[in-house]
């Protein structure tokens, strides 16, 4: 064996071993030194394995914590996406409800029979009225307020007609 190797690798342990040989004064010092060095190397390997296991446990613990953080972030992301999806569905439901409600709130248009208004005798007013578009929008349509107002005035001005008797005959 090389002296440098013994000095570098076995320097301190060999000093401790020789000190123990001097204290105990075994019957066979060479065998004692051999057992002591063998036990020392086994102890050193065991300590290194314990140290490696401790380092491995620390690495595994760090990996586990990172994995937990990733899972937590993924869970939060899933919750956030679920909230967004629920909010989107809620908005769609509200939109459908608004559309349904607006469809129900449409004004029901009832067509009334307009009373017959005889054309004006002057002839010029009727022609002028036909040429001028109505305020209601399209040509030929009169605004609803204009049509109802003259009809109401005409009914008030006309004499009240008597209802026919039950027999259905009218006397004129």
N, C-alpha and C. Protein backbone atom coordinates (compact mmCIF):
# COMPACT_ATOMS: atom_id res chain seq x y z
N UNK A 1 0.84 -1.18 0.00
CA UNK A 1 0.00 0.00 0.00
C UNK A 1 0.88 1.24 0.00
N UNK A 2 0.35 2.24 -0.55
CA UNK A 2 1.04 3.50 -0.68
C UNK A 2 0.96 4.25 0.64
N UNK A 3 1.99 4.92 1.02
CA UNK A 3 2.03 5.66 2.28
C UNK A 3 1.10 6.87 2.22
N UNK A 4 1.00 7.50 1.07
CA UNK A 4 0.11 8.66 0.90
C UNK A 4 -1.36 8.27 1.09
N UNK A 5 -1.70 7.10 0.53
CA UNK A 5 -3.09 6.64 0.68
C UNK A 5 -3.40 6.37 2.14
N UNK A 6 -2.48 5.67 2.84
CA UNK A 6 -2.69 5.37 4.25
C UNK A 6 -2.79 6.66 5.06
N UNK A 7 -1.93 7.60 4.74
CA UNK A 7 -1.95 8.85 5.49
C UNK A 7 -3.24 9.63 5.21
N UNK A 8 -3.66 9.68 3.93
CA UNK A 8 -4.83 10.46 3.55
C UNK A 8 -6.12 9.79 4.03
N UNK A 9 -6.26 8.51 3.80
CA UNK A 9 -7.51 7.81 4.10
C UNK A 9 -7.55 7.25 5.52
N UNK A 10 -6.43 6.80 6.01
CA UNK A 10 -6.44 6.11 7.30
C UNK A 10 -5.67 6.86 8.39
N UNK A 11 -5.29 8.08 8.15
CA UNK A 11 -4.50 8.84 9.11
C UNK A 11 -5.16 8.97 10.47
N UNK A 12 -6.26 9.63 10.57
CA UNK A 12 -6.95 9.86 11.85
C UNK A 12 -7.47 8.55 12.44
N UNK A 13 -8.15 7.71 11.65
CA UNK A 13 -8.64 6.46 12.24
C UNK A 13 -7.50 5.57 12.75
N UNK A 14 -6.38 5.53 12.02
CA UNK A 14 -5.26 4.71 12.45
C UNK A 14 -4.65 5.25 13.74
N UNK A 15 -4.62 6.56 13.88
CA UNK A 15 -4.14 7.16 15.13
C UNK A 15 -5.04 6.74 16.29
N UNK A 16 -6.36 6.81 16.08
CA UNK A 16 -7.32 6.42 17.14
C UNK A 16 -7.18 4.94 17.46
N UNK A 17 -6.96 4.11 16.42
CA UNK A 17 -6.82 2.67 16.62
C UNK A 17 -5.56 2.36 17.44
N UNK A 18 -4.45 2.97 17.09
CA UNK A 18 -3.20 2.73 17.81
C UNK A 18 -3.29 3.24 19.25
N UNK A 19 -4.04 4.35 19.45
CA UNK A 19 -4.22 4.85 20.81
C UNK A 19 -5.03 3.85 21.62
N UNK A 20 -6.01 3.22 21.02
CA UNK A 20 -6.84 2.23 21.71
C UNK A 20 -6.03 0.95 21.99
N UNK A 21 -5.14 0.58 21.07
CA UNK A 21 -4.27 -0.59 21.27
C UNK A 21 -3.36 -0.33 22.47
N UNK A 22 -2.85 0.88 22.58
CA UNK A 22 -1.97 1.22 23.69
C UNK A 22 -2.72 1.20 25.00
N UNK A 23 -3.99 1.61 25.00
CA UNK A 23 -4.77 1.63 26.23
C UNK A 23 -5.15 0.22 26.66
N UNK A 24 -5.65 -0.59 25.75
CA UNK A 24 -6.21 -1.89 26.09
C UNK A 24 -5.16 -3.00 26.14
N UNK A 25 -4.11 -2.88 25.43
CA UNK A 25 -3.03 -3.86 25.35
C UNK A 25 -3.59 -5.27 25.11
N UNK A 26 -4.15 -5.44 23.90
CA UNK A 26 -4.73 -6.74 23.59
C UNK A 26 -3.63 -7.82 23.45
N UNK A 27 -4.05 -9.10 23.53
CA UNK A 27 -3.11 -10.21 23.43
C UNK A 27 -2.52 -10.26 22.02
N UNK A 28 -3.39 -10.05 20.99
CA UNK A 28 -2.93 -10.02 19.61
C UNK A 28 -3.25 -8.64 19.04
N UNK A 29 -2.32 -7.69 19.11
CA UNK A 29 -2.60 -6.33 18.66
C UNK A 29 -2.89 -6.24 17.15
N UNK A 30 -2.28 -7.09 16.34
CA UNK A 30 -2.50 -7.01 14.89
C UNK A 30 -3.94 -7.41 14.57
N UNK A 31 -4.42 -8.47 15.20
CA UNK A 31 -5.81 -8.88 14.97
C UNK A 31 -6.77 -7.81 15.49
N UNK A 32 -6.43 -7.21 16.63
CA UNK A 32 -7.26 -6.14 17.17
C UNK A 32 -7.35 -4.97 16.19
N UNK A 33 -6.20 -4.57 15.62
CA UNK A 33 -6.18 -3.47 14.66
C UNK A 33 -7.01 -3.83 13.42
N UNK A 34 -6.91 -5.06 12.95
CA UNK A 34 -7.66 -5.49 11.77
C UNK A 34 -9.16 -5.42 12.05
N UNK A 35 -9.60 -5.96 13.19
CA UNK A 35 -11.03 -5.90 13.54
C UNK A 35 -11.50 -4.45 13.72
N UNK A 36 -10.63 -3.67 14.36
CA UNK A 36 -11.01 -2.29 14.60
C UNK A 36 -11.18 -1.54 13.27
N UNK A 37 -10.24 -1.70 12.35
CA UNK A 37 -10.32 -1.03 11.05
C UNK A 37 -11.51 -1.55 10.23
N UNK A 38 -11.75 -2.87 10.30
CA UNK A 38 -12.89 -3.44 9.58
C UNK A 38 -14.20 -2.85 10.12
N UNK A 39 -14.30 -2.81 11.46
CA UNK A 39 -15.51 -2.24 12.06
C UNK A 39 -15.63 -0.75 11.73
N UNK A 40 -14.49 -0.04 11.71
CA UNK A 40 -14.50 1.38 11.38
C UNK A 40 -15.04 1.60 9.97
N UNK A 41 -14.56 0.82 9.00
CA UNK A 41 -15.04 0.99 7.62
C UNK A 41 -16.52 0.64 7.51
N UNK A 42 -16.97 -0.39 8.22
CA UNK A 42 -18.40 -0.75 8.19
C UNK A 42 -19.23 0.37 8.80
N UNK A 43 -18.75 0.94 9.92
CA UNK A 43 -19.46 2.06 10.54
C UNK A 43 -19.51 3.28 9.61
N UNK A 44 -18.37 3.53 8.93
CA UNK A 44 -18.34 4.67 8.02
C UNK A 44 -19.31 4.46 6.85
N UNK A 45 -19.36 3.25 6.30
CA UNK A 45 -20.31 2.96 5.22
C UNK A 45 -21.75 3.12 5.71
N UNK A 46 -21.99 2.63 6.93
CA UNK A 46 -23.34 2.76 7.49
C UNK A 46 -23.71 4.23 7.67
N UNK A 47 -22.79 5.03 8.21
CA UNK A 47 -23.05 6.46 8.39
C UNK A 47 -23.28 7.16 7.04
N UNK A 48 -22.49 6.78 6.03
CA UNK A 48 -22.69 7.36 4.70
C UNK A 48 -24.05 6.97 4.13
N UNK A 49 -24.46 5.71 4.35
CA UNK A 49 -25.78 5.29 3.84
C UNK A 49 -26.90 6.02 4.59
N UNK A 50 -26.72 6.20 5.91
CA UNK A 50 -27.73 6.95 6.68
C UNK A 50 -27.79 8.39 6.18
N UNK A 51 -26.62 8.97 5.94
CA UNK A 51 -26.57 10.34 5.43
C UNK A 51 -27.22 10.42 4.04
N UNK A 52 -26.93 9.45 3.19
CA UNK A 52 -27.53 9.43 1.85
C UNK A 52 -29.05 9.26 1.95
N UNK A 53 -29.49 8.40 2.86
CA UNK A 53 -30.94 8.22 3.05
C UNK A 53 -31.59 9.51 3.54
N UNK A 54 -30.90 10.19 4.46
CA UNK A 54 -31.44 11.46 4.97
C UNK A 54 -31.54 12.48 3.84
N UNK A 55 -30.50 12.55 3.00
CA UNK A 55 -30.53 13.46 1.86
C UNK A 55 -31.65 13.08 0.89
N UNK A 56 -31.79 11.75 0.67
CA UNK A 56 -32.86 11.28 -0.22
C UNK A 56 -34.23 11.65 0.36
N UNK A 57 -34.40 11.48 1.67
CA UNK A 57 -35.66 11.85 2.31
C UNK A 57 -35.94 13.35 2.16
N UNK A 58 -34.89 14.15 2.31
CA UNK A 58 -35.06 15.60 2.15
C UNK A 58 -35.48 15.91 0.71
N UNK A 59 -34.81 15.28 -0.28
CA UNK A 59 -35.18 15.51 -1.68
C UNK A 59 -36.62 15.05 -1.95
N UNK A 60 -36.98 13.87 -1.42
CA UNK A 60 -38.34 13.37 -1.61
C UNK A 60 -39.36 14.29 -0.96
N UNK A 61 -39.01 14.80 0.22
CA UNK A 61 -39.91 15.72 0.91
C UNK A 61 -40.10 17.00 0.09
N UNK A 62 -39.00 17.51 -0.47
CA UNK A 62 -39.10 18.70 -1.31
C UNK A 62 -39.93 18.42 -2.57
N UNK A 63 -39.70 17.26 -3.18
CA UNK A 63 -40.49 16.89 -4.36
C UNK A 63 -41.96 16.75 -4.00
N UNK A 64 -42.22 16.15 -2.84
CA UNK A 64 -43.61 15.98 -2.39
C UNK A 64 -44.27 17.34 -2.17
N UNK A 65 -43.54 18.27 -1.54
CA UNK A 65 -44.08 19.61 -1.33
C UNK A 65 -44.34 20.32 -2.66
N UNK A 66 -43.41 20.17 -3.61
CA UNK A 66 -43.62 20.76 -4.93
C UNK A 66 -44.84 20.15 -5.62
N UNK A 67 -44.97 18.83 -5.47
CA UNK A 67 -46.13 18.15 -6.06
C UNK A 67 -47.42 18.64 -5.42
N UNK A 68 -47.41 18.81 -4.09
CA UNK A 68 -48.60 19.34 -3.41
C UNK A 68 -48.92 20.75 -3.89
N UNK A 69 -47.90 21.57 -4.06
CA UNK A 69 -48.12 22.92 -4.57
C UNK A 69 -48.71 22.88 -5.98
N UNK A 70 -48.16 21.99 -6.83
CA UNK A 70 -48.70 21.86 -8.19
C UNK A 70 -50.15 21.41 -8.15
N UNK A 71 -50.44 20.42 -7.29
CA UNK A 71 -51.82 19.93 -7.18
C UNK A 71 -52.74 21.03 -6.67
N UNK A 72 -52.25 21.81 -5.71
CA UNK A 72 -53.05 22.92 -5.17
C UNK A 72 -53.33 23.95 -6.27
N UNK A 73 -52.29 24.28 -7.05
CA UNK A 73 -52.49 25.22 -8.16
C UNK A 73 -53.46 24.66 -9.19
N UNK A 74 -53.33 23.36 -9.48
CA UNK A 74 -54.24 22.74 -10.44
C UNK A 74 -55.67 22.73 -9.90
N UNK A 75 -55.83 22.46 -8.60
CA UNK A 75 -57.15 22.46 -7.98
C UNK A 75 -57.74 23.87 -8.03
N UNK A 76 -56.93 24.87 -7.69
CA UNK A 76 -57.40 26.26 -7.75
C UNK A 76 -57.78 26.64 -9.19
N UNK A 77 -56.96 26.21 -10.14
CA UNK A 77 -57.26 26.50 -11.55
C UNK A 77 -58.56 25.82 -11.96
N UNK A 78 -58.74 24.56 -11.51
CA UNK A 78 -59.98 23.85 -11.84
C UNK A 78 -61.18 24.55 -11.20
N UNK A 79 -61.02 24.99 -9.96
CA UNK A 79 -62.11 25.72 -9.29
C UNK A 79 -62.40 27.02 -10.03
N UNK A 80 -61.35 27.72 -10.42
CA UNK A 80 -61.53 28.99 -11.14
C UNK A 80 -62.24 28.74 -12.47
N UNK A 81 -61.82 27.70 -13.17
CA UNK A 81 -62.47 27.38 -14.44
C UNK A 81 -63.92 26.95 -14.21
N UNK A 82 -64.16 26.21 -13.12
CA UNK A 82 -65.53 25.80 -12.81
C UNK A 82 -66.39 27.03 -12.49
N UNK A 83 -65.81 27.99 -11.76
CA UNK A 83 -66.54 29.23 -11.46
C UNK A 83 -66.84 30.00 -12.74
N UNK A 84 -65.86 30.08 -13.62
CA UNK A 84 -66.06 30.78 -14.89
C UNK A 84 -67.15 30.08 -15.69
N UNK A 85 -67.09 28.75 -15.73
CA UNK A 85 -68.10 27.99 -16.48
C UNK A 85 -69.48 28.17 -15.85
N UNK A 86 -69.54 28.13 -14.51
CA UNK A 86 -70.83 28.32 -13.84
C UNK A 86 -71.35 29.73 -14.10
N UNK A 87 -70.46 30.70 -14.06
CA UNK A 87 -70.86 32.09 -14.32
C UNK A 87 -71.36 32.25 -15.76
N UNK A 88 -70.66 31.59 -16.69
CA UNK A 88 -71.07 31.65 -18.09
C UNK A 88 -72.45 31.00 -18.27
N UNK A 89 -72.65 29.85 -17.62
CA UNK A 89 -73.96 29.18 -17.71
C UNK A 89 -75.04 30.04 -17.08
N UNK A 90 -74.70 30.67 -15.95
CA UNK A 90 -75.67 31.54 -15.29
C UNK A 90 -76.04 32.70 -16.20
N UNK A 91 -75.04 33.30 -16.84
CA UNK A 91 -75.30 34.40 -17.76
C UNK A 91 -76.15 33.94 -18.93
N UNK A 92 -75.86 32.72 -19.44
CA UNK A 92 -76.67 32.19 -20.53
C UNK A 92 -78.12 32.00 -20.08
N UNK A 93 -78.29 31.45 -18.86
CA UNK A 93 -79.64 31.26 -18.33
C UNK A 93 -80.35 32.60 -18.18
N UNK A 94 -79.62 33.60 -17.65
CA UNK A 94 -80.21 34.93 -17.50
C UNK A 94 -80.57 35.51 -18.86
N UNK A 95 -79.69 35.30 -19.84
CA UNK A 95 -79.96 35.81 -21.19
C UNK A 95 -81.19 35.13 -21.76
N UNK A 96 -81.28 33.80 -21.59
CA UNK A 96 -82.47 33.09 -22.07
C UNK A 96 -83.71 33.58 -21.36
N UNK A 97 -83.59 33.79 -20.03
CA UNK A 97 -84.74 34.28 -19.26
C UNK A 97 -85.14 35.68 -19.74
N UNK A 98 -84.13 36.54 -19.99
CA UNK A 98 -84.43 37.88 -20.49
C UNK A 98 -85.10 37.82 -21.86
N UNK A 99 -84.59 36.94 -22.71
CA UNK A 99 -85.18 36.81 -24.04
C UNK A 99 -86.61 36.29 -23.94
N UNK A 100 -86.82 35.31 -23.06
CA UNK A 100 -88.17 34.77 -22.88
C UNK A 100 -89.09 35.84 -22.30
N UNK A 101 -88.57 36.59 -21.32
CA UNK A 101 -89.38 37.64 -20.70
C UNK A 101 -89.68 38.75 -21.71
N UNK A 102 -88.69 39.10 -22.51
CA UNK A 102 -88.93 40.16 -23.48
C UNK A 102 -89.92 39.68 -24.55
N UNK A 103 -89.88 38.40 -24.86
CA UNK A 103 -90.84 37.87 -25.83
C UNK A 103 -92.25 37.91 -25.24
N UNK A 104 -92.35 37.69 -23.94
CA UNK A 104 -93.66 37.73 -23.29
C UNK A 104 -94.15 39.15 -23.10
N UNK A 105 -93.24 40.10 -23.02
CA UNK A 105 -93.62 41.49 -22.76
C UNK A 105 -93.98 42.25 -24.04
N UNK A 106 -93.90 41.59 -25.16
CA UNK A 106 -94.26 42.27 -26.40
C UNK A 106 -95.72 42.69 -26.33
N UNK A 107 -95.99 43.84 -26.87
CA UNK A 107 -97.35 44.37 -26.84
C UNK A 107 -98.20 43.57 -27.81
N UNK A 108 -99.35 43.16 -27.33
CA UNK A 108 -100.27 42.42 -28.18
C UNK A 108 -101.01 43.43 -29.03
N UNK A 109 -100.94 43.26 -30.30
CA UNK A 109 -101.58 44.19 -31.22
C UNK A 109 -102.93 43.60 -31.60
N UNK A 110 -103.95 44.36 -31.34
CA UNK A 110 -105.30 43.93 -31.73
C UNK A 110 -105.75 44.81 -32.87
N UNK A 111 -106.26 44.18 -33.90
CA UNK A 111 -106.76 44.96 -35.02
C UNK A 111 -108.23 45.28 -34.75
N UNK A 112 -108.53 46.54 -34.79
CA UNK A 112 -109.91 46.97 -34.60
C UNK A 112 -110.48 47.33 -35.96
N UNK A 113 -111.73 47.12 -36.05
CA UNK A 113 -112.37 47.53 -37.29
C UNK A 113 -112.54 49.04 -37.24
N UNK A 114 -112.05 49.65 -38.25
CA UNK A 114 -112.17 51.10 -38.30
C UNK A 114 -113.54 51.44 -38.87
N UNK A 115 -114.19 52.40 -38.28
CA UNK A 115 -115.49 52.79 -38.82
C UNK A 115 -115.32 53.40 -40.21
N UNK A 116 -116.31 53.19 -41.02
CA UNK A 116 -116.25 53.71 -42.38
C UNK A 116 -116.38 55.21 -42.34
N UNK A 117 -115.41 55.87 -42.89
CA UNK A 117 -115.44 57.33 -42.99
C UNK A 117 -115.67 57.66 -44.45
N UNK A 118 -116.82 58.29 -44.76
CA UNK A 118 -117.08 58.63 -46.16
C UNK A 118 -116.07 59.65 -46.64
N UNK A 119 -115.68 59.58 -47.89
CA UNK A 119 -114.72 60.53 -48.42
C UNK A 119 -115.28 61.94 -48.37
N UNK A 120 -114.42 62.87 -48.17
CA UNK A 120 -114.83 64.28 -48.10
C UNK A 120 -115.37 64.71 -49.45
N UNK A 121 -116.39 65.58 -49.43
CA UNK A 121 -117.06 65.97 -50.66
C UNK A 121 -116.21 66.89 -51.51
N UNK A 122 -115.32 67.57 -50.90
CA UNK A 122 -114.53 68.52 -51.67
C UNK A 122 -113.63 67.81 -52.66
N UNK A 123 -113.22 66.61 -52.39
CA UNK A 123 -112.41 65.86 -53.30
C UNK A 123 -110.95 66.27 -53.23
N UNK A 124 -110.69 67.54 -52.99
CA UNK A 124 -109.30 67.99 -52.96
C UNK A 124 -108.61 67.53 -51.68
N UNK A 125 -109.34 67.51 -50.58
CA UNK A 125 -108.73 67.07 -49.32
C UNK A 125 -108.35 65.61 -49.39
N UNK A 126 -109.21 64.78 -49.95
CA UNK A 126 -108.95 63.35 -50.06
C UNK A 126 -107.72 63.09 -50.89
N UNK A 127 -107.60 63.87 -52.02
CA UNK A 127 -106.44 63.68 -52.88
C UNK A 127 -105.19 64.18 -52.19
N UNK A 128 -105.29 65.27 -51.50
CA UNK A 128 -104.12 65.82 -50.81
C UNK A 128 -103.70 64.89 -49.69
N UNK A 129 -104.65 64.29 -49.01
CA UNK A 129 -104.34 63.37 -47.92
C UNK A 129 -103.69 62.10 -48.43
N UNK A 130 -104.07 61.66 -49.63
CA UNK A 130 -103.51 60.44 -50.18
C UNK A 130 -102.09 60.67 -50.67
N UNK A 131 -101.80 61.88 -51.15
CA UNK A 131 -100.47 62.16 -51.66
C UNK A 131 -99.46 62.36 -50.53
N UNK A 132 -99.89 62.92 -49.45
CA UNK A 132 -99.00 63.22 -48.35
C UNK A 132 -98.82 61.95 -47.51
N UNK A 133 -97.58 61.51 -47.27
CA UNK A 133 -97.39 60.31 -46.45
C UNK A 133 -97.80 60.60 -45.01
N UNK A 134 -98.27 59.55 -44.40
CA UNK A 134 -98.75 59.68 -43.02
C UNK A 134 -97.57 59.78 -42.08
N UNK A 135 -97.82 60.33 -40.92
CA UNK A 135 -96.76 60.49 -39.93
C UNK A 135 -96.37 59.16 -39.30
N UNK A 136 -97.21 58.16 -39.39
CA UNK A 136 -96.99 56.87 -38.75
C UNK A 136 -95.85 56.09 -39.36
N UNK A 137 -95.40 56.39 -40.53
CA UNK A 137 -94.30 55.63 -41.10
C UNK A 137 -94.50 55.39 -42.56
N UNK A 138 -95.20 54.33 -42.97
CA UNK A 138 -95.34 53.96 -44.37
C UNK A 138 -96.46 54.76 -45.02
N UNK A 139 -96.41 54.80 -46.34
CA UNK A 139 -97.48 55.49 -47.07
C UNK A 139 -98.75 54.69 -46.94
N UNK A 140 -99.85 55.37 -46.90
CA UNK A 140 -101.14 54.70 -46.84
C UNK A 140 -101.54 54.34 -45.42
N UNK A 141 -100.64 54.45 -44.49
CA UNK A 141 -100.99 54.16 -43.10
C UNK A 141 -101.12 55.48 -42.38
N UNK A 142 -102.14 55.58 -41.63
CA UNK A 142 -102.32 56.77 -40.82
C UNK A 142 -101.84 56.45 -39.43
N UNK A 143 -101.31 57.42 -38.72
CA UNK A 143 -100.91 57.16 -37.35
C UNK A 143 -102.12 56.71 -36.54
N UNK A 144 -101.88 55.83 -35.59
CA UNK A 144 -102.96 55.25 -34.80
C UNK A 144 -103.74 56.33 -34.06
N UNK A 145 -103.09 57.35 -33.55
CA UNK A 145 -103.78 58.40 -32.80
C UNK A 145 -104.72 59.18 -33.71
N UNK A 146 -104.29 59.45 -34.96
CA UNK A 146 -105.13 60.22 -35.88
C UNK A 146 -106.37 59.43 -36.28
N UNK A 147 -106.24 58.12 -36.44
CA UNK A 147 -107.38 57.31 -36.86
C UNK A 147 -108.39 57.19 -35.74
N UNK A 148 -107.94 56.99 -34.54
CA UNK A 148 -108.85 56.80 -33.42
C UNK A 148 -109.56 58.09 -33.04
N UNK A 149 -108.87 59.21 -33.11
CA UNK A 149 -109.47 60.48 -32.69
C UNK A 149 -110.64 60.87 -33.58
N UNK A 150 -110.56 60.85 -34.91
CA UNK A 150 -111.73 61.22 -35.72
C UNK A 150 -112.86 60.22 -35.53
N UNK A 151 -112.53 58.95 -35.34
CA UNK A 151 -113.59 57.95 -35.15
C UNK A 151 -114.34 58.24 -33.86
N UNK A 152 -113.63 58.62 -32.83
CA UNK A 152 -114.28 58.93 -31.55
C UNK A 152 -115.14 60.18 -31.69
N UNK A 153 -114.66 61.18 -32.44
CA UNK A 153 -115.44 62.41 -32.64
C UNK A 153 -116.69 62.11 -33.45
N UNK A 154 -116.55 61.25 -34.45
CA UNK A 154 -117.68 60.92 -35.31
C UNK A 154 -118.77 60.19 -34.53
N UNK A 155 -118.36 59.28 -33.65
CA UNK A 155 -119.33 58.55 -32.84
C UNK A 155 -120.07 59.49 -31.90
N UNK A 156 -119.37 60.46 -31.36
CA UNK A 156 -120.00 61.40 -30.45
C UNK A 156 -120.97 62.32 -31.21
N UNK A 157 -120.65 62.70 -32.44
CA UNK A 157 -121.49 63.60 -33.22
C UNK A 157 -122.69 62.88 -33.83
N UNK A 158 -122.56 61.60 -34.13
CA UNK A 158 -123.66 60.86 -34.77
C UNK A 158 -124.78 60.65 -33.76
N UNK A 159 -126.05 60.70 -34.25
CA UNK A 159 -127.17 60.45 -33.33
C UNK A 159 -127.16 59.00 -32.90
N UNK A 160 -127.58 58.77 -31.72
CA UNK A 160 -127.61 57.42 -31.17
C UNK A 160 -128.62 56.59 -31.92
N UNK A 161 -128.22 55.45 -32.41
CA UNK A 161 -129.13 54.57 -33.12
C UNK A 161 -129.82 53.68 -32.11
N UNK A 162 -131.07 53.39 -32.41
CA UNK A 162 -131.81 52.53 -31.50
C UNK A 162 -131.51 51.09 -31.86
N UNK A 163 -131.44 50.27 -30.85
CA UNK A 163 -131.21 48.85 -31.07
C UNK A 163 -132.48 48.22 -31.58
N UNK A 164 -132.44 47.29 -32.49
CA UNK A 164 -133.64 46.64 -32.99
C UNK A 164 -134.34 45.86 -31.89
N UNK A 165 -135.63 45.73 -32.03
CA UNK A 165 -136.41 44.97 -31.06
C UNK A 165 -136.04 43.50 -31.18
N UNK A 166 -136.55 42.72 -30.24
CA UNK A 166 -136.18 41.32 -30.23
C UNK A 166 -136.69 40.58 -31.46
N UNK A 167 -137.68 41.04 -32.03
CA UNK A 167 -138.22 40.39 -33.22
C UNK A 167 -137.29 40.57 -34.39
N UNK A 168 -136.37 41.47 -34.33
CA UNK A 168 -135.44 41.67 -35.41
C UNK A 168 -135.93 42.68 -36.42
N UNK A 169 -137.11 43.23 -36.23
CA UNK A 169 -137.63 44.20 -37.20
C UNK A 169 -137.36 45.60 -36.70
N UNK A 170 -137.01 46.40 -37.60
CA UNK A 170 -136.80 47.81 -37.26
C UNK A 170 -137.85 48.62 -37.98
N UNK A 171 -138.27 49.66 -37.34
CA UNK A 171 -139.28 50.53 -37.94
C UNK A 171 -138.63 51.80 -38.41
N UNK A 172 -138.69 52.02 -39.69
CA UNK A 172 -138.12 53.24 -40.24
C UNK A 172 -139.06 53.85 -41.19
